[in-house]
C-alpha atoms as a PDB file:
ATOM      1  CA  UNK A   1     -20.140  -7.226  -2.476  1.00  0.00           C
ATOM      2  CA  UNK A   2     -19.542 -10.957  -2.496  1.00  0.00           C
ATOM      3  CA  UNK A   3     -18.414 -12.352   0.840  1.00  0.00           C
ATOM      4  CA  UNK A   4     -15.114 -13.613  -0.552  1.00  0.00           C
ATOM      5  CA  UNK A   5     -14.203 -10.185  -1.910  1.00  0.00           C
ATOM      6  CA  UNK A   6     -13.823  -8.418   1.419  1.00  0.00           C
ATOM      7  CA  UNK A   7     -11.028  -6.340   2.948  1.00  0.00           C
ATOM      8  CA  UNK A   8      -9.155  -9.440   4.142  1.00  0.00           C
ATOM      9  CA  UNK A   9      -9.269 -11.013   0.683  1.00  0.00           C
ATOM     10  CA  UNK A  10      -7.692  -7.982  -0.967  1.00  0.00           C
ATOM     11  CA  UNK A  11      -5.225  -7.400   1.891  1.00  0.00           C
ATOM     12  CA  UNK A  12      -3.999 -10.969   1.387  1.00  0.00           C
ATOM     13  CA  UNK A  13      -3.247 -10.014  -2.222  1.00  0.00           C
ATOM     14  CA  UNK A  14      -1.301  -6.984  -0.967  1.00  0.00           C
ATOM     15  CA  UNK A  15       0.565  -9.265   1.467  1.00  0.00           C
ATOM     16  CA  UNK A  16       1.565 -11.485  -1.470  1.00  0.00           C
ATOM     17  CA  UNK A  17       3.095  -8.398  -3.065  1.00  0.00           C
ATOM     18  CA  UNK A  18       4.887  -7.569   0.193  1.00  0.00           C
ATOM     19  CA  UNK A  19       6.325 -11.097   0.227  1.00  0.00           C
ATOM     20  CA  UNK A  20       7.585 -10.554  -3.333  1.00  0.00           C
ATOM     21  CA  UNK A  21       9.301  -7.357  -2.176  1.00  0.00           C
ATOM     22  CA  UNK A  22      10.836  -9.223   0.769  1.00  0.00           C
ATOM     23  CA  UNK A  23      12.281 -11.859  -1.575  1.00  0.00           C
ATOM     24  CA  UNK A  24      13.906  -9.100  -3.668  1.00  0.00           C
ATOM     25  CA  UNK A  25      15.467  -7.386  -0.650  1.00  0.00           C
ATOM     26  CA  UNK A  26      12.979  -4.507  -0.771  1.00  0.00           C
ATOM     27  CA  UNK A  27      11.211  -3.196   2.316  1.00  0.00           C
ATOM     28  CA  UNK A  28       8.196  -5.542   2.303  1.00  0.00           C
ATOM     29  CA  UNK A  29       5.277  -3.286   1.513  1.00  0.00           C
ATOM     30  CA  UNK A  30       2.706  -4.444  -1.006  1.00  0.00           C
ATOM     31  CA  UNK A  31      -0.279  -2.703  -2.539  1.00  0.00           C
ATOM     32  CA  UNK A  32      -3.249  -3.449  -4.746  1.00  0.00           C
ATOM     33  CA  UNK A  33      -5.870  -1.086  -6.113  1.00  0.00           C
ATOM     34  CA  UNK A  34      -9.375  -2.401  -6.623  1.00  0.00           C
ATOM     35  CA  UNK A  35     -12.408  -1.108  -8.487  1.00  0.00           C
ATOM     36  CA  UNK A  36     -15.688  -3.045  -8.594  1.00  0.00           C
ATOM     37  CA  UNK A  37     -14.054  -6.070  -6.875  1.00  0.00           C
ATOM     38  CA  UNK A  38     -11.390  -6.221  -9.608  1.00  0.00           C
ATOM     39  CA  UNK A  39      -7.686  -5.709  -8.982  1.00  0.00           C
ATOM     40  CA  UNK A  40      -6.441  -3.140 -11.489  1.00  0.00           C
ATOM     41  CA  UNK A  41      -2.984  -2.549  -9.986  1.00  0.00           C
ATOM     42  CA  UNK A  42      -0.727  -4.889  -8.052  1.00  0.00           C
ATOM     43  CA  UNK A  43       2.747  -3.894  -6.940  1.00  0.00           C
ATOM     44  CA  UNK A  44       5.301  -3.572  -4.153  1.00  0.00           C
ATOM     45  CA  UNK A  45       8.202  -1.384  -3.102  1.00  0.00           C
ATOM     46  CA  UNK A  46      10.813  -0.984  -5.823  1.00  0.00           C
ATOM     47  CA  UNK A  47      13.071   1.630  -4.226  1.00  0.00           C
ATOM     48  CA  UNK A  48      16.203  -0.553  -4.263  1.00  0.00           C
ATOM     49  CA  UNK A  49      15.686  -1.990  -7.748  1.00  0.00           C
ATOM     50  CA  UNK A  50      14.951   1.397  -9.289  1.00  0.00           C
ATOM     51  CA  UNK A  51      17.316   3.320  -6.991  1.00  0.00           C
ATOM     52  CA  UNK A  52      14.420   5.717  -6.468  1.00  0.00           C
ATOM     53  CA  UNK A  53      13.219   6.911  -3.059  1.00  0.00           C
ATOM     54  CA  UNK A  54       9.762   7.626  -4.526  1.00  0.00           C
ATOM     55  CA  UNK A  55       9.202   4.053  -5.769  1.00  0.00           C
ATOM     56  CA  UNK A  56       6.996   3.083  -2.827  1.00  0.00           C
ATOM     57  CA  UNK A  57       4.318   0.441  -3.388  1.00  0.00           C
ATOM     58  CA  UNK A  58       1.542   3.044  -3.235  1.00  0.00           C
ATOM     59  CA  UNK A  59       3.205   5.305  -5.807  1.00  0.00           C
ATOM     60  CA  UNK A  60       3.700   2.374  -8.174  1.00  0.00           C
ATOM     61  CA  UNK A  61       0.077   1.322  -7.678  1.00  0.00           C
ATOM     62  CA  UNK A  62      -1.268   4.840  -8.331  1.00  0.00           C
ATOM     63  CA  UNK A  63       0.641   5.000 -11.617  1.00  0.00           C
ATOM     64  CA  UNK A  64      -0.483   1.526 -12.719  1.00  0.00           C
ATOM     65  CA  UNK A  65      -4.138   2.162 -11.808  1.00  0.00           C
ATOM     66  CA  UNK A  66      -4.216   5.546 -13.536  1.00  0.00           C
ATOM     67  CA  UNK A  67      -2.719   3.956 -16.635  1.00  0.00           C
ATOM     68  CA  UNK A  68      -5.294   1.149 -16.519  1.00  0.00           C
ATOM     69  CA  UNK A  69      -8.189   3.587 -16.114  1.00  0.00           C
ATOM     70  CA  UNK A  70      -6.847   6.082 -18.640  1.00  0.00           C
ATOM     71  CA  UNK A  71      -7.078   8.987 -16.205  1.00  0.00           C
ATOM     72  CA  UNK A  72      -5.426  10.405 -13.115  1.00  0.00           C
ATOM     73  CA  UNK A  73      -8.352  10.214 -10.699  1.00  0.00           C
ATOM     74  CA  UNK A  74      -9.009   7.081  -8.669  1.00  0.00           C
ATOM     75  CA  UNK A  75     -12.223   8.292  -7.062  1.00  0.00           C
ATOM     76  CA  UNK A  76     -14.016   4.943  -7.374  1.00  0.00           C
ATOM     77  CA  UNK A  77     -11.069   2.857  -6.219  1.00  0.00           C
ATOM     78  CA  UNK A  78      -9.788   1.314  -3.016  1.00  0.00           C
ATOM     79  CA  UNK A  79      -6.104   0.999  -2.172  1.00  0.00           C
ATOM     80  CA  UNK A  80      -5.092  -1.959  -0.013  1.00  0.00           C
ATOM     81  CA  UNK A  81      -1.592  -1.502   1.365  1.00  0.00           C
ATOM     82  CA  UNK A  82       0.219  -3.528   4.003  1.00  0.00           C
ATOM     83  CA  UNK A  83       1.658  -0.512   5.839  1.00  0.00           C
ATOM     84  CA  UNK A  84       0.049   2.831   6.637  1.00  0.00           C
ATOM     85  CA  UNK A  85       1.059   5.257   3.861  1.00  0.00           C
ATOM     86  CA  UNK A  86       3.823   7.781   4.536  1.00  0.00           C
ATOM     87  CA  UNK A  87       3.217  11.477   3.973  1.00  0.00           C
ATOM     88  CA  UNK A  88       4.635  11.363   0.424  1.00  0.00           C
ATOM     89  CA  UNK A  89       2.273   8.570  -0.579  1.00  0.00           C
ATOM     90  CA  UNK A  90      -0.639  10.150   1.295  1.00  0.00           C
ATOM     91  CA  UNK A  91      -0.020  13.360  -0.642  1.00  0.00           C
ATOM     92  CA  UNK A  92      -0.138  11.514  -3.964  1.00  0.00           C
ATOM     93  CA  UNK A  93      -3.247   9.662  -2.817  1.00  0.00           C
ATOM     94  CA  UNK A  94      -4.810  13.019  -1.934  1.00  0.00           C
ATOM     95  CA  UNK A  95      -4.276  14.262  -5.480  1.00  0.00           C
ATOM     96  CA  UNK A  96      -5.602  10.999  -6.958  1.00  0.00           C
ATOM     97  CA  UNK A  97      -8.859  11.517  -5.031  1.00  0.00           C
ATOM     98  CA  UNK A  98      -8.919   7.819  -4.152  1.00  0.00           C
ATOM     99  CA  UNK A  99     -12.147   6.808  -2.419  1.00  0.00           C
ATOM    100  CA  UNK A 100     -10.767   4.358   0.148  1.00  0.00           C
ATOM    101  CA  UNK A 101      -7.440   3.486   1.703  1.00  0.00           C
ATOM    102  CA  UNK A 102      -7.249   0.265   3.703  1.00  0.00           C
ATOM    103  CA  UNK A 103      -3.949  -0.497   5.406  1.00  0.00           C
ATOM    104  CA  UNK A 104      -2.571  -3.337   7.473  1.00  0.00           C
ATOM    105  CA  UNK A 105       0.040  -2.295  10.026  1.00  0.00           C
ATOM    106  CA  UNK A 106       0.260   1.191  11.483  1.00  0.00           C
ATOM    107  CA  UNK A 107       3.544   3.035  10.893  1.00  0.00           C
ATOM    108  CA  UNK A 108       4.190   4.672  14.254  1.00  0.00           C
ATOM    109  CA  UNK A 109       7.199   6.666  12.970  1.00  0.00           C
ATOM    110  CA  UNK A 110       6.365   7.799   9.436  1.00  0.00           C
ATOM    111  CA  UNK A 111       2.694   7.025   8.849  1.00  0.00           C
ATOM    112  CA  UNK A 112       0.376   9.702   7.530  1.00  0.00           C
ATOM    113  CA  UNK A 113      -1.585   9.663  10.797  1.00  0.00           C
ATOM    114  CA  UNK A 114       1.370  10.414  13.054  1.00  0.00           C
ATOM    115  CA  UNK A 115       2.722  12.958  10.567  1.00  0.00           C
ATOM    116  CA  UNK A 116      -0.642  14.735  10.408  1.00  0.00           C
ATOM    117  CA  UNK A 117      -0.879  14.433   6.637  1.00  0.00           C
ATOM    118  CA  UNK A 118      -4.267  15.348   5.222  1.00  0.00           C
ATOM    119  CA  UNK A 119      -6.122  13.038   2.875  1.00  0.00           C
ATOM    120  CA  UNK A 120      -8.727  14.128   0.360  1.00  0.00           C
ATOM    121  CA  UNK A 121     -11.969  15.023   2.184  1.00  0.00           C
ATOM    122  CA  UNK A 122     -13.814  12.260   0.300  1.00  0.00           C
ATOM    123  CA  UNK A 123     -11.239   9.566   1.135  1.00  0.00           C
ATOM    124  CA  UNK A 124     -12.136   7.019   3.808  1.00  0.00           C
ATOM    125  CA  UNK A 125      -9.167   5.579   5.741  1.00  0.00           C
ATOM    126  CA  UNK A 126      -9.356   2.257   7.592  1.00  0.00           C
ATOM    127  CA  UNK A 127      -6.501   0.420   9.237  1.00  0.00           C
ATOM    128  CA  UNK A 128      -5.654  -2.750  11.082  1.00  0.00           C
ATOM    129  CA  UNK A 129      -6.675  -5.273   8.414  1.00  0.00           C
ATOM    130  CA  UNK A 130      -4.321  -8.266   8.816  1.00  0.00           C
ATOM    131  CA  UNK A 131      -2.068  -5.941  10.802  1.00  0.00           C
ATOM    132  CA  UNK A 132      -0.337  -8.788  12.642  1.00  0.00           C
ATOM    133  CA  UNK A 133       0.704 -10.504   9.412  1.00  0.00           C
ATOM    134  CA  UNK A 134       1.943  -7.246   7.869  1.00  0.00           C
ATOM    135  CA  UNK A 135       3.822  -6.251  11.009  1.00  0.00           C
ATOM    136  CA  UNK A 136       5.456  -9.668  11.396  1.00  0.00           C
ATOM    137  CA  UNK A 137       6.712  -9.582   7.813  1.00  0.00           C
ATOM    138  CA  UNK A 138       8.197  -6.128   8.364  1.00  0.00           C
ATOM    139  CA  UNK A 139       9.851  -7.226  11.622  1.00  0.00           C
ATOM    140  CA  UNK A 140      11.286 -10.366   9.990  1.00  0.00           C
ATOM    141  CA  UNK A 141      12.739  -8.257   7.167  1.00  0.00           C
ATOM    142  CA  UNK A 142      14.562  -5.846   9.468  1.00  0.00           C
ATOM    143  CA  UNK A 143      15.794  -8.608  11.798  1.00  0.00           C
ATOM    144  CA  UNK A 144      17.282 -10.467   8.822  1.00  0.00           C
ATOM    145  CA  UNK A 145      18.737  -7.248   7.403  1.00  0.00           C
ATOM    146  CA  UNK A 146      20.460  -6.446  10.720  1.00  0.00           C
ATOM    147  CA  UNK A 147      21.832  -9.971  10.986  1.00  0.00           C
ATOM    148  CA  UNK A 148      23.400  -9.711   7.528  1.00  0.00           C
ATOM    149  CA  UNK A 149      25.278  -6.511   8.364  1.00  0.00           C
END
């Protein structure tokens, strides 16, 4: 793998998506799915826009990547997501058989780790990549949201 195409490079792309969500008033979670150092899906939370509680960044990315690949399995792909996936997203990722999940900030309340959600046995989970940046964006979003109410 080329040095520039590392976990931080792709997490920065996910952070750009999280920023886009922030600007739209969505909870700022961004995701990209990569195969062979190529981004095949790039998205962010759309729950407010679509009025859909399942429209998390990961769910949108799974759908886009599957469409791109022409199949439902993502077993040669890596998901980069700015926040640890929730149990709903982890469940969908399980069924997609994704090879790798790399997240930024840990979700201490609803993350798949704290909820005990199982991932596919072949999935490798790594966290903490640009966690400070992801966490700060999330904090800024909720501080601004509270100040508006």
